[in-house]
Each structure stands twice: as structure tokens, then as C-alpha cells.
């Protein structure tokens, strides 16, 4: 139930607040989409992952591809990032 409330809050942010500002997220998916994915995949633990991601989204980080990992972690998804980089170089 709390997870559903948090999801509605993030969706409200995406629909009503986010459009008021220019796109500025350093990551793909955006931090709010990451939060939704983390909550759906990891339940309430996902909020910790989402907050950690928001804290990583700052000017001193290069950003890039960082999807929600299959296991709980507050660190960047290095496995997916390396696969993504490798696939770009193959093209």
C-alpha cells in the first residue's frame, strides 16, 4: 500500500512538476523513472535505491545509462553500463 502511494507521488511529479523545468537528468532512465522501476522491482527498498540515485545525479558525475539492477544496491549498475558501452562499440 505504501509502495502504491509512493508510485502515485512520483507519477504526480512526472506529470505536473517535471514538465515545468527543462530536461536536466544526467542519467538514462531519468531519476524519476528509475525510482518507479526500483519501487516496482524491489518494493519499499526501492525508495533507498531511488534516493541514492538522486544523490548521484550531480554535476561531478558523468551520468549515462544506469537501469535498475536486478539485485538491491545503492551503487551504479556497472554491469548494464558495460554491456551498453560494448554494444555501442560493436555498431
Protein backbone atom coordinates (compact mmCIF):
# COMPACT_ATOMS: atom_id res chain seq x y z
CA UNK A 1 0.00 0.00 0.00
CA UNK A 2 2.81 2.42 0.86
CA UNK A 3 4.57 1.44 -2.37
CA UNK A 4 1.45 2.40 -4.35
CA UNK A 5 1.31 5.77 -2.60
CA UNK A 6 4.97 6.44 -3.39
CA UNK A 7 4.41 5.43 -7.02
CA UNK A 8 1.48 7.87 -7.27
CA UNK A 9 3.63 10.64 -5.80
CA UNK A 10 6.40 10.05 -8.33
CA UNK A 11 3.89 9.83 -11.19
CA UNK A 12 2.38 13.13 -9.99
CA UNK A 13 5.82 14.69 -10.03
CA UNK A 14 6.40 13.36 -13.57
CA UNK A 15 3.08 14.71 -14.81
CA UNK A 16 2.76 18.06 -13.06
CA UNK A 17 6.14 19.29 -11.80
CA UNK A 18 8.76 17.88 -14.15
CA UNK A 19 7.29 19.50 -17.30
CA UNK A 20 7.78 22.93 -15.73
CA UNK A 21 11.57 22.57 -15.92
CA UNK A 22 13.96 21.88 -18.81
CA UNK A 23 15.33 18.31 -19.04
CA UNK A 24 18.49 18.08 -16.97
CA UNK A 25 18.89 14.49 -15.77
CA UNK A 26 22.39 13.12 -16.28
CA UNK A 27 21.19 9.53 -16.41
CA UNK A 28 19.02 7.34 -18.60
CA UNK A 29 16.45 6.39 -17.46
CA UNK A 30 15.72 9.64 -15.66
CA UNK A 31 15.84 9.66 -11.87
CA UNK A 32 12.05 9.64 -11.54
CA UNK A 33 11.72 6.70 -13.95
CA UNK A 34 14.49 4.94 -12.03
CA UNK A 35 12.53 5.47 -8.80
CA UNK A 36 9.39 3.97 -10.35
CA UNK A 37 11.35 0.96 -11.62
CA UNK A 38 13.11 0.48 -8.29
CA UNK A 39 9.83 0.62 -6.36
CA UNK A 40 8.18 -1.87 -8.73
CA UNK A 41 11.13 -4.24 -8.72
CA UNK A 42 12.28 -4.01 -5.08
CA UNK A 43 9.27 -2.70 -3.16
CA UNK A 44 9.97 -0.30 -0.30
CA UNK A 45 13.72 -0.99 -0.56
CA UNK A 46 13.45 0.69 -3.94
CA UNK A 47 13.00 4.08 -2.26
CA UNK A 48 16.52 3.78 -0.84
CA UNK A 49 17.83 2.94 -4.31
CA UNK A 50 15.94 5.89 -5.80
CA UNK A 51 17.23 8.33 -3.20
CA UNK A 52 20.80 7.08 -3.72
CA UNK A 53 20.35 7.64 -7.47
CA UNK A 54 19.09 11.20 -6.92
CA UNK A 55 22.13 11.89 -4.73
CA UNK A 56 24.41 10.59 -7.52
CA UNK A 57 22.77 12.94 -10.04
CA UNK A 58 25.03 15.96 -9.61
CA UNK A 59 27.47 17.95 -11.80
CA UNK A 60 30.57 15.98 -10.79
CA UNK A 61 29.24 12.70 -12.21
CA UNK A 62 29.26 11.95 -15.93
CA UNK A 63 25.87 10.18 -15.89
CA UNK A 64 24.93 7.79 -18.69
CA UNK A 65 22.96 4.56 -18.89
CA UNK A 66 22.02 3.28 -15.42
CA UNK A 67 18.94 1.00 -15.28
CA UNK A 68 17.53 -0.51 -12.09
CA UNK A 69 19.60 -3.61 -11.23
CA UNK A 70 18.01 -6.97 -10.50
CA UNK A 71 19.54 -7.03 -7.01
CA UNK A 72 19.36 -4.36 -4.32
CA UNK A 73 22.28 -1.92 -4.33
CA UNK A 74 22.79 1.79 -3.79
CA UNK A 75 25.61 1.85 -6.34
CA UNK A 76 25.52 2.42 -10.09
CA UNK A 77 24.61 -0.55 -12.32
CA UNK A 78 28.10 -1.16 -13.76
CA UNK A 79 27.14 -4.45 -15.47
CA UNK A 80 24.43 -2.83 -17.59
CA UNK A 81 26.62 0.20 -18.30
CA UNK A 82 29.47 -2.01 -19.57
CA UNK A 83 27.10 -4.05 -21.77
CA UNK A 84 25.66 -0.81 -23.17
CA UNK A 85 29.12 0.60 -23.95
CA UNK A 86 30.19 -2.66 -25.55
CA UNK A 87 27.10 -2.75 -27.79
CA UNK A 88 27.73 0.83 -28.96
CA UNK A 89 31.30 -0.02 -29.97
CA UNK A 90 30.13 -3.05 -31.97
CA UNK A 91 27.92 -0.93 -34.23
